[in-house]
N, C-alpha and C. Protein backbone atom coordinates (compact mmCIF):
# COMPACT_ATOMS: atom_id res chain seq x y z
N MET A 1 0.77 -1.42 0.04
CA MET A 1 -0.18 0.19 -0.06
C MET A 1 0.63 0.95 0.15
N LYS A 2 0.57 2.55 -1.05
CA LYS A 2 1.01 4.01 -1.08
C LYS A 2 0.85 4.27 0.37
N GLN A 3 2.44 4.91 0.73
CA GLN A 3 2.30 5.34 2.14
C GLN A 3 2.27 7.24 1.52
N SER A 4 2.41 8.00 1.57
CA SER A 4 3.04 9.16 1.15
C SER A 4 2.38 9.86 -0.43
N VAL A 5 1.53 10.56 -0.11
CA VAL A 5 0.78 10.93 -1.62
C VAL A 5 2.53 11.78 -2.17
N ASP A 6 3.16 11.92 -1.59
CA ASP A 6 4.63 12.80 -2.40
C ASP A 6 5.58 12.13 -3.21
N VAL A 7 5.39 10.79 -2.86
CA VAL A 7 6.42 9.77 -3.65
C VAL A 7 5.97 8.79 -4.53
N SER A 8 5.73 8.42 -6.13
CA SER A 8 5.67 7.45 -6.45
C SER A 8 5.77 6.13 -6.28
N SER A 9 5.07 5.06 -6.51
CA SER A 9 5.40 3.85 -6.32
C SER A 9 5.05 2.99 -7.53
N SER A 10 5.70 3.96 -8.70
CA SER A 10 5.61 3.31 -10.00
C SER A 10 6.74 2.99 -9.77
N ARG A 11 6.77 1.57 -10.19
CA ARG A 11 8.19 0.97 -10.83
C ARG A 11 9.23 1.46 -11.88
N ARG A 12 8.16 1.44 -12.64
CA ARG A 12 9.22 2.21 -14.15
C ARG A 12 9.35 3.90 -13.92
N LYS A 13 9.07 4.97 -12.87
CA LYS A 13 9.37 6.04 -12.13
C LYS A 13 10.83 5.80 -10.95
N SER A 14 10.95 4.65 -10.69
CA SER A 14 11.53 4.14 -9.60
C SER A 14 12.96 4.11 -10.29
N ARG A 15 12.69 3.41 -10.90
CA ARG A 15 14.38 3.05 -11.98
C ARG A 15 14.78 3.91 -12.28
N LYS A 16 13.49 4.62 -13.22
CA LYS A 16 14.00 5.63 -14.13
C LYS A 16 14.86 6.92 -12.61
N ALA A 17 14.04 7.01 -11.92
CA ALA A 17 14.84 7.96 -11.09
C ALA A 17 16.74 7.90 -10.56
N HIS A 18 16.25 5.99 -10.29
CA HIS A 18 17.11 5.39 -9.53
C HIS A 18 18.76 5.89 -10.90
N PHE A 19 18.02 5.40 -11.91
CA PHE A 19 19.16 5.31 -13.06
C PHE A 19 19.71 6.74 -13.46
N SER A 20 19.05 7.29 -13.36
CA SER A 20 19.23 9.09 -14.15
C SER A 20 20.19 10.01 -12.93
N ALA A 21 20.09 9.04 -11.29
CA ALA A 21 20.42 10.31 -10.50
C ALA A 21 21.83 10.95 -10.55
N PRO A 22 21.74 12.25 -10.27
CA PRO A 22 22.74 13.18 -10.47
C PRO A 22 24.11 12.45 -9.62
N SER A 23 25.06 12.67 -9.49
CA SER A 23 26.14 12.12 -8.98
C SER A 23 26.26 12.43 -7.24
N ASP A 24 25.98 13.47 -6.90
CA ASP A 24 25.39 14.16 -5.64
C ASP A 24 24.74 12.67 -4.54
N LEU A 25 23.69 12.29 -5.65
CA LEU A 25 22.53 11.00 -4.70
C LEU A 25 23.07 10.19 -4.95
N ARG A 26 24.14 9.58 -6.40
CA ARG A 26 24.28 8.33 -6.30
C ARG A 26 25.20 8.00 -5.26
N ARG A 27 26.62 9.18 -4.73
CA ARG A 27 27.21 8.90 -3.66
C ARG A 27 26.45 8.39 -2.20
N LYS A 28 25.31 9.23 -1.65
CA LYS A 28 24.56 8.86 -1.26
C LYS A 28 23.83 7.09 -1.16
N ILE A 29 23.54 6.96 -2.78
CA ILE A 29 22.84 5.29 -2.59
C ILE A 29 23.81 4.04 -2.31
N MET A 30 25.45 4.93 -2.99
CA MET A 30 26.29 3.94 -3.08
C MET A 30 27.07 4.15 -1.71
N SER A 31 26.18 3.37 -0.37
CA SER A 31 27.02 2.96 1.10
C SER A 31 27.04 2.11 1.00
N ALA A 32 27.71 1.39 1.73
CA ALA A 32 28.58 0.84 2.76
C ALA A 32 28.13 0.04 3.86
N SER A 33 27.97 -0.46 4.07
CA SER A 33 27.71 -1.20 5.97
C SER A 33 29.13 -0.94 6.65
N LEU A 34 29.08 -1.13 7.72
CA LEU A 34 30.68 -1.03 8.50
C LEU A 34 30.26 -2.27 9.18
N SER A 35 31.55 -2.59 9.53
CA SER A 35 31.87 -4.03 10.34
C SER A 35 31.27 -4.00 11.22
N LYS A 36 31.18 -5.26 12.57
CA LYS A 36 30.48 -5.03 13.74
C LYS A 36 31.55 -4.21 14.50
N GLU A 37 32.75 -4.41 14.36
CA GLU A 37 33.77 -3.65 15.49
C GLU A 37 33.51 -1.70 15.12
N LEU A 38 33.12 -1.50 13.79
CA LEU A 38 33.17 0.09 13.53
C LEU A 38 31.79 0.33 14.05
N ARG A 39 30.92 -0.62 13.54
CA ARG A 39 28.95 -0.12 13.88
C ARG A 39 29.14 0.17 15.36
N GLU A 40 29.97 -0.70 16.66
CA GLU A 40 29.79 -0.65 17.60
C GLU A 40 30.56 0.90 18.04
N LYS A 41 32.18 1.16 17.16
CA LYS A 41 32.44 2.27 17.74
C LYS A 41 31.94 3.39 17.41
N HIS A 42 31.34 3.72 16.41
CA HIS A 42 31.01 4.85 16.15
C HIS A 42 28.98 4.97 16.21
N SER A 43 28.40 3.97 16.54
CA SER A 43 27.27 3.78 16.40
C SER A 43 26.42 4.68 15.15
N VAL A 44 27.00 4.08 14.07
CA VAL A 44 26.91 4.24 13.10
C VAL A 44 26.53 2.98 12.37
N ARG A 45 25.89 2.53 11.23
CA ARG A 45 25.27 1.34 10.78
C ARG A 45 25.99 1.53 8.95
N SER A 46 25.85 2.37 8.42
CA SER A 46 26.39 2.47 6.88
C SER A 46 26.56 3.81 6.57
N ILE A 47 27.87 3.54 5.74
CA ILE A 47 28.39 5.26 5.46
C ILE A 47 28.26 5.43 3.88
N PRO A 48 28.29 6.44 2.72
CA PRO A 48 28.88 6.39 2.12
C PRO A 48 30.51 6.16 1.48
N ILE A 49 30.64 4.56 -0.11
CA ILE A 49 32.09 4.17 0.73
C ILE A 49 32.62 5.38 -0.34
N ARG A 50 34.15 4.98 -0.16
CA ARG A 50 35.26 6.26 -0.70
C ARG A 50 36.47 5.55 -0.71
N LYS A 51 37.30 6.16 -2.08
CA LYS A 51 38.25 6.17 -2.06
C LYS A 51 39.42 6.20 -0.70
N ASP A 52 39.90 4.54 -0.49
CA ASP A 52 41.03 4.10 0.25
C ASP A 52 40.30 4.05 1.57
N ASP A 53 39.04 3.49 1.64
CA ASP A 53 38.57 2.76 2.74
C ASP A 53 39.07 1.44 2.45
N GLU A 54 39.05 0.29 3.44
CA GLU A 54 39.14 -0.65 3.24
C GLU A 54 37.86 -1.55 3.78
N VAL A 55 38.23 -2.25 2.49
CA VAL A 55 36.67 -2.94 2.42
C VAL A 55 36.67 -4.87 2.79
N LEU A 56 35.49 -5.58 2.87
CA LEU A 56 35.78 -7.32 2.87
C LEU A 56 34.69 -7.62 2.43
N VAL A 57 34.63 -7.99 0.85
CA VAL A 57 33.28 -8.71 -0.20
C VAL A 57 33.10 -9.85 0.56
N VAL A 58 31.70 -9.71 0.80
CA VAL A 58 31.18 -10.60 1.79
C VAL A 58 29.96 -11.11 0.26
N ARG A 59 29.58 -10.78 -0.57
CA ARG A 59 28.81 -11.63 -1.52
C ARG A 59 29.44 -11.81 -3.11
N GLY A 60 28.96 -13.05 -3.55
CA GLY A 60 29.51 -13.12 -5.12
C GLY A 60 30.69 -13.86 -4.79
N SER A 61 31.62 -14.15 -6.53
CA SER A 61 32.59 -14.87 -6.41
C SER A 61 33.73 -14.55 -6.21
N TYR A 62 33.69 -13.64 -5.81
CA TYR A 62 35.36 -12.84 -4.64
C TYR A 62 34.83 -12.35 -3.46
N LYS A 63 34.13 -13.03 -2.72
CA LYS A 63 33.51 -13.15 -1.22
C LYS A 63 34.83 -13.95 -0.58
N GLY A 64 34.98 -12.83 0.79
CA GLY A 64 36.36 -13.06 1.37
C GLY A 64 37.32 -11.75 0.60
N ARG A 65 37.53 -11.63 -0.30
CA ARG A 65 38.30 -11.04 -0.63
C ARG A 65 38.38 -9.51 0.69
N GLU A 66 39.77 -9.59 0.42
CA GLU A 66 39.58 -8.17 1.64
C GLU A 66 40.51 -7.07 0.62
N GLY A 67 40.42 -5.93 0.48
CA GLY A 67 41.43 -4.58 0.06
C GLY A 67 41.27 -3.52 0.38
N LYS A 68 41.83 -2.24 -0.11
CA LYS A 68 41.59 -0.76 -0.53
C LYS A 68 40.61 -0.73 -1.38
N VAL A 69 39.74 0.56 -1.27
CA VAL A 69 39.05 0.80 -2.54
C VAL A 69 39.76 1.71 -3.37
N VAL A 70 40.32 1.11 -4.91
CA VAL A 70 41.36 1.54 -5.71
C VAL A 70 40.30 3.53 -6.40
N GLN A 71 38.59 2.72 -6.70
CA GLN A 71 38.10 3.46 -7.12
C GLN A 71 36.77 3.36 -7.31
N VAL A 72 36.12 4.54 -6.62
CA VAL A 72 34.28 4.97 -6.71
C VAL A 72 34.22 5.29 -8.10
N TYR A 73 33.62 4.36 -8.55
CA TYR A 73 32.83 4.59 -10.00
C TYR A 73 31.56 4.54 -10.40
N ARG A 74 30.74 6.27 -10.03
CA ARG A 74 29.78 6.32 -9.88
C ARG A 74 28.75 6.14 -11.04
N ARG A 75 29.18 6.30 -11.59
CA ARG A 75 28.52 6.16 -13.43
C ARG A 75 28.02 4.74 -13.61
N LYS A 76 28.93 3.94 -13.25
CA LYS A 76 28.56 2.17 -13.42
C LYS A 76 28.04 1.79 -11.78
N TRP A 77 27.60 2.69 -10.87
CA TRP A 77 27.18 2.09 -9.77
C TRP A 77 28.40 0.87 -9.08
N VAL A 78 29.79 1.01 -9.28
CA VAL A 78 30.44 0.27 -9.29
C VAL A 78 31.56 0.91 -8.12
N ILE A 79 32.55 -0.51 -7.08
CA ILE A 79 33.92 0.15 -6.74
C ILE A 79 34.61 -0.43 -7.04
N HIS A 80 36.03 -0.44 -7.31
CA HIS A 80 37.31 -1.03 -7.49
C HIS A 80 37.97 -1.64 -6.41
N VAL A 81 38.23 -2.47 -6.09
CA VAL A 81 39.14 -3.13 -4.73
C VAL A 81 40.45 -3.47 -5.46
N GLU A 82 41.21 -3.00 -4.62
CA GLU A 82 42.62 -3.36 -4.56
C GLU A 82 43.02 -5.12 -5.10
N ARG A 83 43.70 -5.47 -5.52
CA ARG A 83 43.71 -7.00 -5.59
C ARG A 83 42.42 -8.02 -6.46
N VAL A 84 41.33 -7.28 -6.21
CA VAL A 84 39.72 -8.08 -7.22
C VAL A 84 39.94 -7.73 -8.99
N ASN A 85 41.01 -8.30 -9.18
CA ASN A 85 41.14 -8.15 -10.45
C ASN A 85 40.98 -9.44 -11.58
N ARG A 86 40.37 -9.32 -12.82
CA ARG A 86 40.28 -10.79 -13.34
C ARG A 86 41.63 -10.57 -14.80
N GLU A 87 41.48 -11.69 -15.40
CA GLU A 87 42.68 -11.84 -16.59
C GLU A 87 41.72 -11.73 -18.01
N LYS A 88 41.71 -10.55 -18.94
CA LYS A 88 41.25 -10.82 -20.03
C LYS A 88 41.66 -11.90 -20.98
N ALA A 89 41.36 -11.74 -21.64
CA ALA A 89 41.82 -12.79 -23.45
C ALA A 89 42.81 -12.55 -23.40
N ASN A 90 43.13 -11.53 -23.84
CA ASN A 90 44.95 -10.76 -24.13
C ASN A 90 45.74 -11.11 -23.06
N GLY A 91 45.11 -11.61 -21.87
CA GLY A 91 46.44 -11.35 -21.24
C GLY A 91 46.34 -9.92 -20.01
N ALA A 92 45.34 -9.07 -20.39
CA ALA A 92 45.64 -7.78 -19.76
C ALA A 92 44.77 -8.06 -18.29
N SER A 93 45.33 -7.13 -17.05
CA SER A 93 44.36 -7.43 -16.34
C SER A 93 43.35 -6.40 -15.98
N VAL A 94 42.46 -6.54 -15.38
CA VAL A 94 41.41 -5.65 -15.53
C VAL A 94 39.91 -5.77 -14.10
N PRO A 95 40.27 -4.18 -13.18
CA PRO A 95 39.35 -4.73 -12.36
C PRO A 95 37.84 -4.92 -12.02
N VAL A 96 37.86 -5.75 -10.85
CA VAL A 96 36.13 -5.88 -11.27
C VAL A 96 35.36 -5.08 -10.22
N GLY A 97 34.37 -4.55 -11.06
CA GLY A 97 33.25 -3.55 -10.64
C GLY A 97 32.78 -4.31 -9.48
N ILE A 98 32.73 -4.15 -8.20
CA ILE A 98 31.81 -4.64 -7.27
C ILE A 98 30.48 -3.52 -6.80
N HIS A 99 29.80 -3.52 -6.28
CA HIS A 99 29.06 -2.43 -6.14
C HIS A 99 28.98 -3.05 -3.87
N PRO A 100 29.05 -1.52 -4.17
CA PRO A 100 29.15 -1.57 -2.75
C PRO A 100 28.16 -1.73 -1.73
N SER A 101 27.25 -2.51 -1.89
CA SER A 101 26.42 -2.84 -0.74
C SER A 101 26.70 -4.60 -0.80
N LYS A 102 27.34 -5.08 -1.46
CA LYS A 102 28.12 -6.24 -1.83
C LYS A 102 28.93 -6.28 -0.98
N VAL A 103 29.72 -5.53 0.08
CA VAL A 103 30.79 -4.84 0.97
C VAL A 103 30.80 -4.15 2.45
N VAL A 104 31.44 -5.12 3.09
CA VAL A 104 31.64 -4.26 4.53
C VAL A 104 33.05 -3.52 4.71
N VAL A 105 32.49 -2.34 5.27
CA VAL A 105 33.69 -1.40 5.84
C VAL A 105 34.69 -1.87 6.33
N THR A 106 35.86 -1.99 6.93
CA THR A 106 36.37 -2.60 7.37
C THR A 106 37.52 -1.83 8.13
N LYS A 107 37.67 -0.39 7.71
CA LYS A 107 38.36 0.43 8.07
C LYS A 107 38.21 1.43 7.79
N LEU A 108 37.78 2.69 7.78
CA LEU A 108 37.70 4.18 7.88
C LEU A 108 38.72 4.86 6.86
N HIS A 109 38.65 5.25 6.28
CA HIS A 109 39.62 6.99 5.98
C HIS A 109 38.96 7.24 6.47
N LEU A 110 39.66 8.57 7.81
CA LEU A 110 39.21 9.37 8.37
C LEU A 110 39.69 10.27 8.24
N ASP A 111 38.70 11.99 7.23
CA ASP A 111 39.03 13.49 7.77
C ASP A 111 37.88 13.89 8.43
N LYS A 112 38.43 15.76 8.63
CA LYS A 112 37.61 15.91 9.40
C LYS A 112 36.11 16.46 8.76
N ASP A 113 35.63 15.45 7.39
CA ASP A 113 34.64 16.15 6.81
C ASP A 113 33.91 14.42 7.13
N ARG A 114 35.09 13.26 6.67
CA ARG A 114 34.40 12.08 7.52
C ARG A 114 34.15 11.83 9.17
N LYS A 115 35.01 12.72 9.66
CA LYS A 115 34.31 12.96 11.37
C LYS A 115 33.23 13.52 11.52
N ALA A 116 32.38 14.23 10.48
CA ALA A 116 31.43 15.20 11.03
C ALA A 116 30.06 14.38 10.71
N ILE A 117 30.81 14.36 9.18
CA ILE A 117 29.48 13.26 9.15
C ILE A 117 29.18 11.99 9.98
N LEU A 118 30.31 11.31 10.68
CA LEU A 118 30.27 10.37 11.78
C LEU A 118 29.73 10.77 12.76
N GLU A 119 29.90 12.12 13.11
CA GLU A 119 29.47 12.59 14.56
C GLU A 119 27.67 13.12 14.37
N ARG A 120 27.74 13.28 13.51
CA ARG A 120 25.96 14.03 12.61
C ARG A 120 25.66 12.14 13.02
N LYS A 121 25.53 11.45 12.20
CA LYS A 121 25.13 10.34 12.27
C LYS A 121 24.82 9.21 13.15
N ASP A 122 25.54 9.61 14.52
CA ASP A 122 25.68 9.31 15.65
C ASP A 122 24.56 8.67 16.30
N ARG A 123 24.03 7.09 16.76
CA ARG A 123 22.85 7.38 16.95
C ARG A 123 22.72 6.54 18.67
N SER A 124 23.97 7.11 19.18
CA SER A 124 24.07 6.49 20.56
C SER A 124 23.26 7.38 21.58
N VAL A 125 23.19 5.96 22.52
CA VAL A 125 22.03 6.74 23.91
C VAL A 125 23.09 8.24 24.76
N LYS A 126 23.44 8.13 24.49
CA LYS A 126 24.43 9.19 25.67
C LYS A 126 23.93 10.31 24.63
N LYS A 127 24.35 11.12 23.29
CA LYS A 127 23.82 12.19 22.65
C LYS A 127 22.09 12.51 22.97
N THR A 128 21.58 10.90 22.91
CA THR A 128 20.11 11.35 23.33
C THR A 128 19.98 12.00 24.58
N GLU A 129 20.53 11.75 25.42
CA GLU A 129 20.71 11.98 26.37
C GLU A 129 20.52 13.37 27.15
N ALA A 130 21.92 14.37 27.05
CA ALA A 130 22.62 15.35 27.16
C ALA A 130 21.28 16.36 26.25
């Protein structure tokens, strides 16, 4: 059942909005969940993925592979992870695109903007009491 009058529940319109989303919205959509340790530490469940984060692939044929994010390819909705490559027929090695929802962030690349995001998203009890 439709909840909001302002939002369409049409599959066609949803898909169009998703696949023609601008880069700033793609960043938000391309979020990855945090590992259990990071989730405990920061009281945040997920965060938009970024170059230099360290991730663990949890789904697909590359499951269990760990590495640093080399590139966030927003146009193709994928990330490229270090040491997750495949050989082409001519012998060249190419990075395999992995969707951010299929990885878990194990180590965050923190700078002041990223720390501000974590502060803002903090869901811990101590913040609500103050």
